[in-house]
PDB file of N, CA and C in Angstrom:
ATOM      1  N   MET A   1      14.714  -0.778  17.239  1.00  0.00           N
ATOM      2  CA  MET A   1      14.210  -2.138  17.075  1.00  0.00           C
ATOM      3  C   MET A   1      13.906  -2.740  18.444  1.00  0.00           C
ATOM      4  N   PHE A   2      12.807  -3.434  18.528  1.00  0.00           N
ATOM      5  CA  PHE A   2      12.369  -4.062  19.772  1.00  0.00           C
ATOM      6  C   PHE A   2      13.099  -5.390  19.975  1.00  0.00           C
ATOM      7  N   THR A   3      13.610  -5.601  21.180  1.00  0.00           N
ATOM      8  CA  THR A   3      14.250  -6.865  21.543  1.00  0.00           C
ATOM      9  C   THR A   3      13.476  -7.479  22.702  1.00  0.00           C
ATOM     10  N   PRO A   4      12.810  -8.611  22.468  1.00  0.00           N
ATOM     11  CA  PRO A   4      12.025  -9.247  23.527  1.00  0.00           C
ATOM     12  C   PRO A   4      12.917  -9.721  24.673  1.00  0.00           C
ATOM     13  N   LYS A   5      12.391  -9.675  25.887  1.00  0.00           N
ATOM     14  CA  LYS A   5      13.137 -10.115  27.066  1.00  0.00           C
ATOM     15  C   LYS A   5      13.296 -11.626  27.126  1.00  0.00           C
ATOM     16  N   PHE A   6      12.315 -12.346  26.614  1.00  0.00           N
ATOM     17  CA  PHE A   6      12.285 -13.794  26.791  1.00  0.00           C
ATOM     18  C   PHE A   6      12.387 -14.554  25.466  1.00  0.00           C
ATOM     19  N   ARG A   7      13.104 -14.020  24.526  1.00  0.00           N
ATOM     20  CA  ARG A   7      13.153 -14.637  23.208  1.00  0.00           C
ATOM     21  C   ARG A   7      14.072 -15.853  23.188  1.00  0.00           C
ATOM     22  N   ASN A   8      13.534 -16.932  22.655  1.00  0.00           N
ATOM     23  CA  ASN A   8      14.309 -18.143  22.385  1.00  0.00           C
ATOM     24  C   ASN A   8      13.561 -18.931  21.309  1.00  0.00           C
ATOM     25  N   GLU A   9      14.054 -20.093  20.953  1.00  0.00           N
ATOM     26  CA  GLU A   9      13.418 -20.874  19.884  1.00  0.00           C
ATOM     27  C   GLU A   9      11.979 -21.249  20.237  1.00  0.00           C
ATOM     28  N   GLN A  10      11.733 -21.569  21.499  1.00  0.00           N
ATOM     29  CA  GLN A  10      10.376 -21.954  21.906  1.00  0.00           C
ATOM     30  C   GLN A  10       9.414 -20.781  21.788  1.00  0.00           C
ATOM     31  N   THR A  11       9.818 -19.617  22.263  1.00  0.00           N
ATOM     32  CA  THR A  11       8.917 -18.468  22.189  1.00  0.00           C
ATOM     33  C   THR A  11       8.753 -18.001  20.747  1.00  0.00           C
ATOM     34  N   ASP A  12       9.811 -18.125  19.935  1.00  0.00           N
ATOM     35  CA  ASP A  12       9.672 -17.807  18.508  1.00  0.00           C
ATOM     36  C   ASP A  12       8.619 -18.707  17.860  1.00  0.00           C
ATOM     37  N   LEU A  13       8.645 -19.994  18.198  1.00  0.00           N
ATOM     38  CA  LEU A  13       7.664 -20.938  17.648  1.00  0.00           C
ATOM     39  C   LEU A  13       6.255 -20.554  18.084  1.00  0.00           C
ATOM     40  N   LEU A  14       6.089 -20.175  19.336  1.00  0.00           N
ATOM     41  CA  LEU A  14       4.774 -19.760  19.826  1.00  0.00           C
ATOM     42  C   LEU A  14       4.277 -18.525  19.080  1.00  0.00           C
ATOM     43  N   MET A  15       5.126 -17.537  18.904  1.00  0.00           N
ATOM     44  CA  MET A  15       4.707 -16.315  18.201  1.00  0.00           C
ATOM     45  C   MET A  15       4.338 -16.625  16.750  1.00  0.00           C
ATOM     46  N   GLN A  16       5.101 -17.479  16.098  1.00  0.00           N
ATOM     47  CA  GLN A  16       4.768 -17.871  14.723  1.00  0.00           C
ATOM     48  C   GLN A  16       3.448 -18.638  14.684  1.00  0.00           C
ATOM     49  N   ALA A  17       3.218 -19.484  15.680  1.00  0.00           N
ATOM     50  CA  ALA A  17       1.951 -20.228  15.753  1.00  0.00           C
ATOM     51  C   ALA A  17       0.775 -19.256  15.888  1.00  0.00           C
ATOM     52  N   LEU A  18       0.906 -18.256  16.778  1.00  0.00           N
ATOM     53  CA  LEU A  18      -0.168 -17.267  16.949  1.00  0.00           C
ATOM     54  C   LEU A  18      -0.429 -16.509  15.653  1.00  0.00           C
ATOM     55  N   LEU A  19       0.630 -16.138  14.971  1.00  0.00           N
ATOM     56  CA  LEU A  19       0.464 -15.398  13.717  1.00  0.00           C
ATOM     57  C   LEU A  19      -0.162 -16.237  12.606  1.00  0.00           C
ATOM     58  N   SER A  20      -0.052 -17.555  12.709  1.00  0.00           N
ATOM     59  CA  SER A  20      -0.600 -18.420  11.652  1.00  0.00           C
ATOM     60  C   SER A  20      -2.106 -18.637  11.777  1.00  0.00           C
ATOM     61  N   LEU A  21      -2.685 -18.313  12.924  1.00  0.00           N
ATOM     62  CA  LEU A  21      -4.125 -18.499  13.119  1.00  0.00           C
ATOM     63  C   LEU A  21      -4.891 -17.556  12.200  1.00  0.00           C
ATOM     64  N   GLN A  22      -5.927 -18.074  11.538  1.00  0.00           N
ATOM     65  CA  GLN A  22      -6.592 -17.303  10.493  1.00  0.00           C
ATOM     66  C   GLN A  22      -7.947 -16.734  10.878  1.00  0.00           C
ATOM     67  N   ASN A  23      -8.535 -17.213  11.980  1.00  0.00           N
ATOM     68  CA  ASN A  23      -9.840 -16.689  12.364  1.00  0.00           C
ATOM     69  C   ASN A  23     -10.096 -16.970  13.844  1.00  0.00           C
ATOM     70  N   VAL A  24     -11.214 -16.466  14.341  1.00  0.00           N
ATOM     71  CA  VAL A  24     -11.534 -16.597  15.758  1.00  0.00           C
ATOM     72  C   VAL A  24     -11.699 -18.057  16.156  1.00  0.00           C
ATOM     73  N   GLU A  25     -12.327 -18.851  15.316  1.00  0.00           N
ATOM     74  CA  GLU A  25     -12.508 -20.265  15.653  1.00  0.00           C
ATOM     75  C   GLU A  25     -11.161 -20.959  15.833  1.00  0.00           C
ATOM     76  N   GLU A  26     -10.224 -20.713  14.920  1.00  0.00           N
ATOM     77  CA  GLU A  26      -8.893 -21.310  15.054  1.00  0.00           C
ATOM     78  C   GLU A  26      -8.206 -20.828  16.334  1.00  0.00           C
ATOM     79  N   ALA A  27      -8.390 -19.565  16.672  1.00  0.00           N
ATOM     80  CA  ALA A  27      -7.788 -19.019  17.884  1.00  0.00           C
ATOM     81  C   ALA A  27      -8.362 -19.710  19.127  1.00  0.00           C
ATOM     82  N   TYR A  28      -9.681 -19.886  19.153  1.00  0.00           N
ATOM     83  CA  TYR A  28     -10.302 -20.605  20.260  1.00  0.00           C
ATOM     84  C   TYR A  28      -9.776 -22.031  20.352  1.00  0.00           C
ATOM     85  N   ARG A  29      -9.708 -22.715  19.226  1.00  0.00           N
ATOM     86  CA  ARG A  29      -9.230 -24.107  19.218  1.00  0.00           C
ATOM     87  C   ARG A  29      -7.821 -24.201  19.795  1.00  0.00           C
ATOM     88  N   PHE A  30      -6.936 -23.318  19.319  1.00  0.00           N
ATOM     89  CA  PHE A  30      -5.555 -23.326  19.783  1.00  0.00           C
ATOM     90  C   PHE A  30      -5.483 -22.992  21.270  1.00  0.00           C
ATOM     91  N   CYS A  31      -6.171 -21.937  21.684  1.00  0.00           N
ATOM     92  CA  CYS A  31      -6.111 -21.519  23.084  1.00  0.00           C
ATOM     93  C   CYS A  31      -6.669 -22.590  24.012  1.00  0.00           C
ATOM     94  N   GLU A  32      -7.745 -23.241  23.607  1.00  0.00           N
ATOM     95  CA  GLU A  32      -8.306 -24.292  24.460  1.00  0.00           C
ATOM     96  C   GLU A  32      -7.389 -25.498  24.560  1.00  0.00           C
ATOM     97  N   ASP A  33      -6.586 -25.740  23.528  1.00  0.00           N
ATOM     98  CA  ASP A  33      -5.638 -26.847  23.581  1.00  0.00           C
ATOM     99  C   ASP A  33      -4.387 -26.504  24.392  1.00  0.00           C
ATOM    100  N   ILE A  34      -3.909 -25.284  24.269  1.00  0.00           N
ATOM    101  CA  ILE A  34      -2.611 -24.941  24.851  1.00  0.00           C
ATOM    102  C   ILE A  34      -2.703 -24.325  26.246  1.00  0.00           C
ATOM    103  N   LEU A  35      -3.816 -23.702  26.576  1.00  0.00           N
ATOM    104  CA  LEU A  35      -3.973 -23.028  27.859  1.00  0.00           C
ATOM    105  C   LEU A  35      -4.960 -23.765  28.749  1.00  0.00           C
ATOM    106  N   THR A  36      -4.758 -23.636  30.058  1.00  0.00           N
ATOM    107  CA  THR A  36      -5.794 -24.110  30.975  1.00  0.00           C
ATOM    108  C   THR A  36      -6.941 -23.100  30.921  1.00  0.00           C
ATOM    109  N   MET A  37      -8.087 -23.496  31.404  1.00  0.00           N
ATOM    110  CA  MET A  37      -9.228 -22.586  31.421  1.00  0.00           C
ATOM    111  C   MET A  37      -8.906 -21.350  32.255  1.00  0.00           C
ATOM    112  N   GLN A  38      -8.205 -21.539  33.381  1.00  0.00           N
ATOM    113  CA  GLN A  38      -7.852 -20.407  34.245  1.00  0.00           C
ATOM    114  C   GLN A  38      -6.864 -19.471  33.543  1.00  0.00           C
ATOM    115  N   GLU A  39      -5.892 -20.007  32.822  1.00  0.00           N
ATOM    116  CA  GLU A  39      -4.953 -19.163  32.080  1.00  0.00           C
ATOM    117  C   GLU A  39      -5.677 -18.332  31.024  1.00  0.00           C
ATOM    118  N   LEU A  40      -6.593 -18.969  30.313  1.00  0.00           N
ATOM    119  CA  LEU A  40      -7.370 -18.259  29.293  1.00  0.00           C
ATOM    120  C   LEU A  40      -8.214 -17.156  29.915  1.00  0.00           C
ATOM    121  N   LYS A  41      -8.866 -17.459  31.033  1.00  0.00           N
ATOM    122  CA  LYS A  41      -9.679 -16.456  31.720  1.00  0.00           C
ATOM    123  C   LYS A  41      -8.814 -15.297  32.218  1.00  0.00           C
ATOM    124  N   SER A  42      -7.626 -15.591  32.727  1.00  0.00           N
ATOM    125  CA  SER A  42      -6.733 -14.542  33.237  1.00  0.00           C
ATOM    126  C   SER A  42      -6.269 -13.616  32.125  1.00  0.00           C
ATOM    127  N   ILE A  43      -5.911 -14.186  30.985  1.00  0.00           N
ATOM    128  CA  ILE A  43      -5.468 -13.373  29.852  1.00  0.00           C
ATOM    129  C   ILE A  43      -6.619 -12.502  29.348  1.00  0.00           C
ATOM    130  N   ALA A  44      -7.802 -13.096  29.229  1.00  0.00           N
ATOM    131  CA  ALA A  44      -8.972 -12.341  28.770  1.00  0.00           C
ATOM    132  C   ALA A  44      -9.308 -11.224  29.755  1.00  0.00           C
ATOM    133  N   GLN A  45      -9.178 -11.506  31.047  1.00  0.00           N
ATOM    134  CA  GLN A  45      -9.456 -10.496  32.063  1.00  0.00           C
ATOM    135  C   GLN A  45      -8.465  -9.332  31.941  1.00  0.00           C
ATOM    136  N   ARG A  46      -7.189  -9.625  31.732  1.00  0.00           N
ATOM    137  CA  ARG A  46      -6.189  -8.566  31.591  1.00  0.00           C
ATOM    138  C   ARG A  46      -6.481  -7.688  30.378  1.00  0.00           C
ATOM    139  N   LEU A  47      -6.916  -8.295  29.302  1.00  0.00           N
ATOM    140  CA  LEU A  47      -7.257  -7.511  28.120  1.00  0.00           C
ATOM    141  C   LEU A  47      -8.449  -6.609  28.398  1.00  0.00           C
ATOM    142  N   GLU A  48      -9.460  -7.144  29.077  1.00  0.00           N
ATOM    143  CA  GLU A  48     -10.620  -6.326  29.441  1.00  0.00           C
ATOM    144  C   GLU A  48     -10.200  -5.170  30.355  1.00  0.00           C
ATOM    145  N   VAL A  49      -9.314  -5.443  31.299  1.00  0.00           N
ATOM    146  CA  VAL A  49      -8.800  -4.394  32.187  1.00  0.00           C
ATOM    147  C   VAL A  49      -8.096  -3.315  31.371  1.00  0.00           C
ATOM    148  N   ALA A  50      -7.287  -3.719  30.395  1.00  0.00           N
ATOM    149  CA  ALA A  50      -6.574  -2.746  29.555  1.00  0.00           C
ATOM    150  C   ALA A  50      -7.551  -1.856  28.799  1.00  0.00           C
ATOM    151  N   VAL A  51      -8.597  -2.451  28.254  1.00  0.00           N
ATOM    152  CA  VAL A  51      -9.615  -1.668  27.544  1.00  0.00           C
ATOM    153  C   VAL A  51     -10.238  -0.645  28.489  1.00  0.00           C
ATOM    154  N   MET A  52     -10.585  -1.079  29.683  1.00  0.00           N
ATOM    155  CA  MET A  52     -11.235  -0.188  30.635  1.00  0.00           C
ATOM    156  C   MET A  52     -10.289   0.916  31.119  1.00  0.00           C
ATOM    157  N   LEU A  53      -9.026   0.580  31.318  1.00  0.00           N
ATOM    158  CA  LEU A  53      -8.054   1.602  31.718  1.00  0.00           C
ATOM    159  C   LEU A  53      -7.909   2.666  30.633  1.00  0.00           C
ATOM    160  N   ARG A  54      -7.903   2.250  29.382  1.00  0.00           N
ATOM    161  CA  ARG A  54      -7.808   3.226  28.290  1.00  0.00           C
ATOM    162  C   ARG A  54      -9.033   4.122  28.235  1.00  0.00           C
ATOM    163  N   LYS A  55     -10.151   3.605  28.710  1.00  0.00           N
ATOM    164  CA  LYS A  55     -11.377   4.404  28.763  1.00  0.00           C
ATOM    165  C   LYS A  55     -11.450   5.238  30.042  1.00  0.00           C
ATOM    166  N   LYS A  56     -10.371   5.211  30.833  1.00  0.00           N
ATOM    167  CA  LYS A  56     -10.265   6.009  32.067  1.00  0.00           C
ATOM    168  C   LYS A  56     -11.245   5.575  33.160  1.00  0.00           C
ATOM    169  N   VAL A  57     -11.609   4.296  33.172  1.00  0.00           N
ATOM    170  CA  VAL A  57     -12.464   3.754  34.223  1.00  0.00           C
ATOM    171  C   VAL A  57     -11.609   3.623  35.488  1.00  0.00           C
ATOM    172  N   THR A  58     -12.188   3.878  36.646  1.00  0.00           N
ATOM    173  CA  THR A  58     -11.441   3.818  37.901  1.00  0.00           C
ATOM    174  C   THR A  58     -11.090   2.375  38.268  1.00  0.00           C
ATOM    175  N   TYR A  59     -10.021   2.237  39.058  1.00  0.00           N
ATOM    176  CA  TYR A  59      -9.622   0.914  39.545  1.00  0.00           C
ATOM    177  C   TYR A  59     -10.787   0.230  40.256  1.00  0.00           C
ATOM    178  N   GLN A  60     -11.492   0.979  41.094  1.00  0.00           N
ATOM    179  CA  GLN A  60     -12.598   0.414  41.866  1.00  0.00           C
ATOM    180  C   GLN A  60     -13.683  -0.147  40.943  1.00  0.00           C
ATOM    181  N   GLU A  61     -14.031   0.591  39.912  1.00  0.00           N
ATOM    182  CA  GLU A  61     -15.060   0.131  38.980  1.00  0.00           C
ATOM    183  C   GLU A  61     -14.563  -1.053  38.157  1.00  0.00           C
ATOM    184  N   ILE A  62     -13.292  -1.015  37.756  1.00  0.00           N
ATOM    185  CA  ILE A  62     -12.726  -2.141  36.994  1.00  0.00           C
ATOM    186  C   ILE A  62     -12.756  -3.410  37.850  1.00  0.00           C
ATOM    187  N   ALA A  63     -12.336  -3.301  39.097  1.00  0.00           N
ATOM    188  CA  ALA A  63     -12.346  -4.458  39.992  1.00  0.00           C
ATOM    189  C   ALA A  63     -13.760  -4.998  40.159  1.00  0.00           C
ATOM    190  N   LYS A  64     -14.718  -4.099  40.309  1.00  0.00           N
ATOM    191  CA  LYS A  64     -16.119  -4.502  40.487  1.00  0.00           C
ATOM    192  C   LYS A  64     -16.645  -5.223  39.249  1.00  0.00           C
ATOM    193  N   GLN A  65     -16.358  -4.678  38.062  1.00  0.00           N
ATOM    194  CA  GLN A  65     -16.920  -5.240  36.830  1.00  0.00           C
ATOM    195  C   GLN A  65     -16.199  -6.498  36.356  1.00  0.00           C
ATOM    196  N   THR A  66     -14.888  -6.590  36.593  1.00  0.00           N
ATOM    197  CA  THR A  66     -14.110  -7.703  36.033  1.00  0.00           C
ATOM    198  C   THR A  66     -13.729  -8.766  37.048  1.00  0.00           C
ATOM    199  N   GLY A  67     -13.741  -8.383  38.334  1.00  0.00           N
ATOM    200  CA  GLY A  67     -13.275  -9.305  39.363  1.00  0.00           C
ATOM    201  C   GLY A  67     -11.757  -9.323  39.489  1.00  0.00           C
ATOM    202  N   ALA A  68     -11.080  -8.462  38.744  1.00  0.00           N
ATOM    203  CA  ALA A  68      -9.619  -8.398  38.808  1.00  0.00           C
ATOM    204  C   ALA A  68      -9.182  -7.751  40.113  1.00  0.00           C
ATOM    205  N   SER A  69      -8.065  -8.227  40.626  1.00  0.00           N
ATOM    206  CA  SER A  69      -7.514  -7.617  41.835  1.00  0.00           C
ATOM    207  C   SER A  69      -6.879  -6.276  41.481  1.00  0.00           C
ATOM    208  N   THR A  70      -6.714  -5.435  42.491  1.00  0.00           N
ATOM    209  CA  THR A  70      -6.056  -4.155  42.239  1.00  0.00           C
ATOM    210  C   THR A  70      -4.608  -4.371  41.815  1.00  0.00           C
ATOM    211  N   ALA A  71      -3.981  -5.457  42.262  1.00  0.00           N
ATOM    212  CA  ALA A  71      -2.615  -5.771  41.832  1.00  0.00           C
ATOM    213  C   ALA A  71      -2.579  -6.052  40.327  1.00  0.00           C
ATOM    214  N   THR A  72      -3.558  -6.809  39.833  1.00  0.00           N
ATOM    215  CA  THR A  72      -3.631  -7.091  38.395  1.00  0.00           C
ATOM    216  C   THR A  72      -3.898  -5.818  37.614  1.00  0.00           C
ATOM    217  N   ILE A  73      -4.816  -5.006  38.103  1.00  0.00           N
ATOM    218  CA  ILE A  73      -5.136  -3.750  37.423  1.00  0.00           C
ATOM    219  C   ILE A  73      -3.905  -2.857  37.376  1.00  0.00           C
ATOM    220  N   SER A  74      -3.183  -2.781  38.474  1.00  0.00           N
ATOM    221  CA  SER A  74      -1.974  -1.970  38.542  1.00  0.00           C
ATOM    222  C   SER A  74      -0.907  -2.483  37.573  1.00  0.00           C
ATOM    223  N   ARG A  75      -0.758  -3.796  37.485  1.00  0.00           N
ATOM    224  CA  ARG A  75       0.231  -4.381  36.573  1.00  0.00           C
ATOM    225  C   ARG A  75      -0.109  -4.047  35.126  1.00  0.00           C
ATOM    226  N   VAL A  76      -1.358  -4.197  34.765  1.00  0.00           N
ATOM    227  CA  VAL A  76      -1.782  -3.868  33.399  1.00  0.00           C
ATOM    228  C   VAL A  76      -1.565  -2.381  33.130  1.00  0.00           C
ATOM    229  N   ASN A  77      -1.880  -1.548  34.105  1.00  0.00           N
ATOM    230  CA  ASN A  77      -1.686  -0.109  33.936  1.00  0.00           C
ATOM    231  C   ASN A  77      -0.208   0.229  33.721  1.00  0.00           C
ATOM    232  N   ARG A  78       0.676  -0.416  34.487  1.00  0.00           N
ATOM    233  CA  ARG A  78       2.117  -0.196  34.289  1.00  0.00           C
ATOM    234  C   ARG A  78       2.537  -0.584  32.873  1.00  0.00           C
ATOM    235  N   CYS A  79       1.998  -1.682  32.380  1.00  0.00           N
ATOM    236  CA  CYS A  79       2.319  -2.102  31.012  1.00  0.00           C
ATOM    237  C   CYS A  79       1.815  -1.083  29.992  1.00  0.00           C
ATOM    238  N   LEU A  80       0.614  -0.562  30.220  1.00  0.00           N
ATOM    239  CA  LEU A  80       0.069   0.452  29.313  1.00  0.00           C
ATOM    240  C   LEU A  80       0.922   1.716  29.316  1.00  0.00           C
ATOM    241  N   LEU A  81       1.404   2.101  30.487  1.00  0.00           N
ATOM    242  CA  LEU A  81       2.158   3.343  30.608  1.00  0.00           C
ATOM    243  C   LEU A  81       3.642   3.196  30.272  1.00  0.00           C
ATOM    244  N   TYR A  82       4.251   2.085  30.687  1.00  0.00           N
ATOM    245  CA  TYR A  82       5.706   1.960  30.593  1.00  0.00           C
ATOM    246  C   TYR A  82       6.175   0.698  29.892  1.00  0.00           C
ATOM    247  N   GLY A  83       5.252  -0.076  29.342  1.00  0.00           N
ATOM    248  CA  GLY A  83       5.603  -1.351  28.726  1.00  0.00           C
ATOM    249  C   GLY A  83       6.136  -1.186  27.319  1.00  0.00           C
ATOM    250  N   THR A  84       6.045  -2.243  26.559  1.00  0.00           N
ATOM    251  CA  THR A  84       6.594  -2.295  25.203  1.00  0.00           C
ATOM    252  C   THR A  84       5.577  -1.919  24.134  1.00  0.00           C
ATOM    253  N   ASP A  85       4.429  -1.400  24.533  1.00  0.00           N
ATOM    254  CA  ASP A  85       3.335  -0.978  23.648  1.00  0.00           C
ATOM    255  C   ASP A  85       2.566  -2.136  23.023  1.00  0.00           C
ATOM    256  N   GLY A  86       2.739  -3.336  23.563  1.00  0.00           N
ATOM    257  CA  GLY A  86       1.987  -4.483  23.053  1.00  0.00           C
ATOM    258  C   GLY A  86       0.487  -4.306  23.202  1.00  0.00           C
ATOM    259  N   TYR A  87       0.057  -3.874  24.377  1.00  0.00           N
ATOM    260  CA  TYR A  87      -1.375  -3.609  24.572  1.00  0.00           C
ATOM    261  C   TYR A  87      -1.843  -2.513  23.622  1.00  0.00           C
ATOM    262  N   GLN A  88      -1.071  -1.436  23.531  1.00  0.00           N
ATOM    263  CA  GLN A  88      -1.480  -0.296  22.695  1.00  0.00           C
ATOM    264  C   GLN A  88      -1.667  -0.724  21.240  1.00  0.00           C
ATOM    265  N   ILE A  89      -0.730  -1.490  20.713  1.00  0.00           N
ATOM    266  CA  ILE A  89      -0.813  -1.957  19.320  1.00  0.00           C
ATOM    267  C   ILE A  89      -2.085  -2.779  19.128  1.00  0.00           C
ATOM    268  N   LEU A  90      -2.295  -3.731  20.028  1.00  0.00           N
ATOM    269  CA  LEU A  90      -3.459  -4.610  19.909  1.00  0.00           C
ATOM    270  C   LEU A  90      -4.768  -3.844  20.045  1.00  0.00           C
ATOM    271  N   LEU A  91      -4.857  -2.970  21.049  1.00  0.00           N
ATOM    272  CA  LEU A  91      -6.094  -2.224  21.263  1.00  0.00           C
ATOM    273  C   LEU A  91      -6.382  -1.265  20.116  1.00  0.00           C
ATOM    274  N   ASP A  92      -5.344  -0.639  19.566  1.00  0.00           N
ATOM    275  CA  ASP A  92      -5.539   0.230  18.401  1.00  0.00           C
ATOM    276  C   ASP A  92      -6.061  -0.565  17.210  1.00  0.00           C
ATOM    277  N   ARG A  93      -5.528  -1.746  17.003  1.00  0.00           N
ATOM    278  CA  ARG A  93      -5.977  -2.575  15.873  1.00  0.00           C
ATOM    279  C   ARG A  93      -7.389  -3.091  16.076  1.00  0.00           C
ATOM    280  N   LEU A  94      -7.718  -3.467  17.290  1.00  0.00           N
ATOM    281  CA  LEU A  94      -9.094  -3.895  17.558  1.00  0.00           C
ATOM    282  C   LEU A  94     -10.067  -2.770  17.271  1.00  0.00           C
ATOM    283  N   GLN A  95      -9.688  -1.567  17.639  1.00  0.00           N
ATOM    284  CA  GLN A  95     -10.518  -0.390  17.386  1.00  0.00           C
ATOM    285  C   GLN A  95     -10.648  -0.150  15.882  1.00  0.00           C
ATOM    286  N   ASP A  96      -9.532  -0.159  15.175  1.00  0.00           N
ATOM    287  CA  ASP A  96      -9.515   0.189  13.751  1.00  0.00           C
ATOM    288  C   ASP A  96     -10.099  -0.903  12.858  1.00  0.00           C
ATOM    289  N   GLU A  97      -9.673  -2.154  13.102  1.00  0.00           N
ATOM    290  CA  GLU A  97     -10.037  -3.237  12.187  1.00  0.00           C
ATOM    291  C   GLU A  97     -11.351  -3.913  12.549  1.00  0.00           C
ATOM    292  N   GLU A  98     -11.623  -4.037  13.830  1.00  0.00           N
ATOM    293  CA  GLU A  98     -12.801  -4.767  14.256  1.00  0.00           C
ATOM    294  C   GLU A  98     -13.930  -3.859  14.730  1.00  0.00           C
ATOM    295  N   GLY A  99     -13.624  -2.575  14.884  1.00  0.00           N
ATOM    296  CA  GLY A  99     -14.636  -1.644  15.363  1.00  0.00           C
ATOM    297  C   GLY A  99     -14.959  -1.820  16.845  1.00  0.00           C
ATOM    298  N   ILE A 100     -14.088  -2.496  17.567  1.00  0.00           N
ATOM    299  CA  ILE A 100     -14.302  -2.713  18.998  1.00  0.00           C
ATOM    300  C   ILE A 100     -13.879  -1.444  19.735  1.00  0.00           C
ATOM    301  N   PRO A 101     -14.779  -0.824  20.473  1.00  0.00           N
ATOM    302  CA  PRO A 101     -14.427   0.417  21.163  1.00  0.00           C
ATOM    303  C   PRO A 101     -13.424   0.174  22.283  1.00  0.00           C
ATOM    304  N   THR A 102     -12.232   0.743  22.130  1.00  0.00           N
ATOM    305  CA  THR A 102     -11.174   0.567  23.134  1.00  0.00           C
ATOM    306  C   THR A 102     -10.700   1.900  23.705  1.00  0.00           C
ATOM    307  N   LYS A 103     -11.399   2.968  23.354  1.00  0.00           N
ATOM    308  CA  LYS A 103     -11.017   4.284  23.879  1.00  0.00           C
ATOM    309  C   LYS A 103     -12.232   4.966  24.448  1.00  0.00           C
TER     310      LYS A 103
END
Protein backbone atom coordinates (compact mmCIF):
# COMPACT_ATOMS: atom_id res chain seq x y z
CA MET A 1 0.00 0.00 0.00
CA PHE A 2 1.23 3.47 -0.90
CA THR A 3 1.72 5.97 1.94
CA PRO A 4 2.06 9.59 0.80
CA LYS A 5 4.90 11.63 2.33
CA PHE A 6 2.83 14.77 2.82
CA ARG A 7 -0.59 13.44 3.74
CA ASN A 8 -2.79 15.50 6.02
CA GLU A 9 -6.37 16.82 6.01
CA GLN A 10 -5.49 19.68 3.66
CA THR A 11 -3.80 17.47 1.08
CA ASP A 12 -6.62 14.92 1.36
CA LEU A 13 -9.09 17.71 0.54
CA LEU A 14 -7.00 18.77 -2.46
CA MET A 15 -6.82 15.21 -3.82
CA GLN A 16 -10.59 14.78 -3.40
CA ALA A 17 -11.14 18.13 -5.14
CA LEU A 18 -8.98 17.01 -8.10
CA LEU A 19 -10.86 13.73 -8.34
CA SER A 20 -14.21 15.55 -8.38
CA LEU A 21 -13.41 17.49 -11.57
CA GLN A 22 -15.47 16.08 -14.43
CA ASN A 23 -13.95 17.56 -17.59
CA VAL A 24 -11.15 19.68 -19.02
CA GLU A 25 -13.08 22.93 -18.64
CA GLU A 26 -13.63 22.29 -14.93
CA ALA A 27 -9.95 21.42 -14.56
CA TYR A 28 -8.92 24.68 -16.22
CA ARG A 29 -11.33 26.67 -14.04
CA PHE A 30 -10.01 25.08 -10.85
CA CYS A 31 -6.34 25.38 -11.84
CA GLU A 32 -6.71 29.03 -12.84
CA ASP A 33 -8.33 29.79 -9.49
CA ILE A 34 -5.95 27.84 -7.27
CA LEU A 35 -2.60 28.19 -9.06
CA THR A 36 -0.60 31.17 -10.21
CA MET A 37 0.06 31.29 -13.94
CA GLN A 38 3.73 30.42 -13.27
CA GLU A 39 2.78 27.40 -11.11
CA LEU A 40 0.45 26.14 -13.84
CA LYS A 41 3.12 26.61 -16.50
CA SER A 42 5.72 24.80 -14.35
CA ILE A 43 3.46 21.81 -13.75
CA ALA A 44 2.55 21.62 -17.45
CA GLN A 45 6.23 21.86 -18.38
CA ARG A 46 7.13 18.98 -16.03
CA LEU A 47 4.45 16.82 -17.58
CA GLU A 48 5.73 17.61 -21.07
CA VAL A 49 9.27 16.75 -19.91
CA ALA A 50 8.01 13.41 -18.55
CA VAL A 51 6.37 12.58 -21.88
CA MET A 52 9.56 13.41 -23.75
CA LEU A 53 11.74 11.41 -21.35
CA ARG A 54 9.53 8.37 -21.88
CA LYS A 55 10.04 8.83 -25.60
CA LYS A 56 13.82 8.74 -24.95
CA VAL A 57 14.38 12.34 -26.10
CA THR A 58 17.76 13.71 -24.98
CA TYR A 59 18.08 16.25 -22.17
CA GLN A 60 19.50 18.76 -24.65
CA GLU A 61 16.53 18.43 -27.00
CA ILE A 62 14.03 18.54 -24.12
CA ALA A 63 15.62 21.73 -22.79
CA LYS A 64 15.55 23.26 -26.28
CA GLN A 65 11.91 22.37 -26.96
CA THR A 66 10.42 23.05 -23.50
CA GLY A 67 12.69 25.67 -21.98
CA ALA A 68 13.09 23.45 -18.92
CA SER A 69 16.38 23.57 -17.07
CA THR A 70 18.53 20.47 -16.91
CA ALA A 71 17.85 20.44 -13.14
CA THR A 72 14.10 20.20 -13.81
CA ILE A 73 14.61 17.52 -16.44
CA SER A 74 16.83 15.56 -14.06
CA ARG A 75 14.26 15.84 -11.25
CA VAL A 76 11.46 14.57 -13.48
CA ASN A 77 13.70 11.74 -14.68
CA ARG A 78 14.45 10.72 -11.08
CA CYS A 79 10.71 10.62 -10.39
CA LEU A 80 10.13 8.49 -13.48
CA LEU A 81 12.88 6.06 -12.48
CA TYR A 82 12.67 6.00 -8.68
CA GLY A 83 9.48 7.82 -7.71
CA THR A 84 6.08 6.57 -6.63
CA ASP A 85 4.92 5.84 -10.23
CA GLY A 86 2.59 8.85 -10.28
CA TYR A 87 3.90 9.99 -13.65
CA GLN A 88 3.79 6.43 -15.01
CA ILE A 89 0.15 5.94 -13.98
CA LEU A 90 -0.91 9.25 -15.49
CA LEU A 91 1.05 8.85 -18.72
CA ASP A 92 -0.24 5.30 -19.22
CA ARG A 93 -3.82 6.50 -18.77
CA LEU A 94 -3.35 9.42 -21.13
CA GLN A 95 -2.05 6.97 -23.70
CA ASP A 96 -4.83 4.42 -23.16
CA GLU A 97 -7.87 6.63 -22.52
CA GLU A 98 -7.12 9.78 -24.46
CA GLY A 99 -4.93 8.39 -27.21
CA ILE A 100 -2.20 10.89 -26.34
CA PRO A 101 1.14 9.43 -27.44
CA THR A 102 3.35 9.17 -24.35
CA LYS A 103 5.75 6.46 -25.48
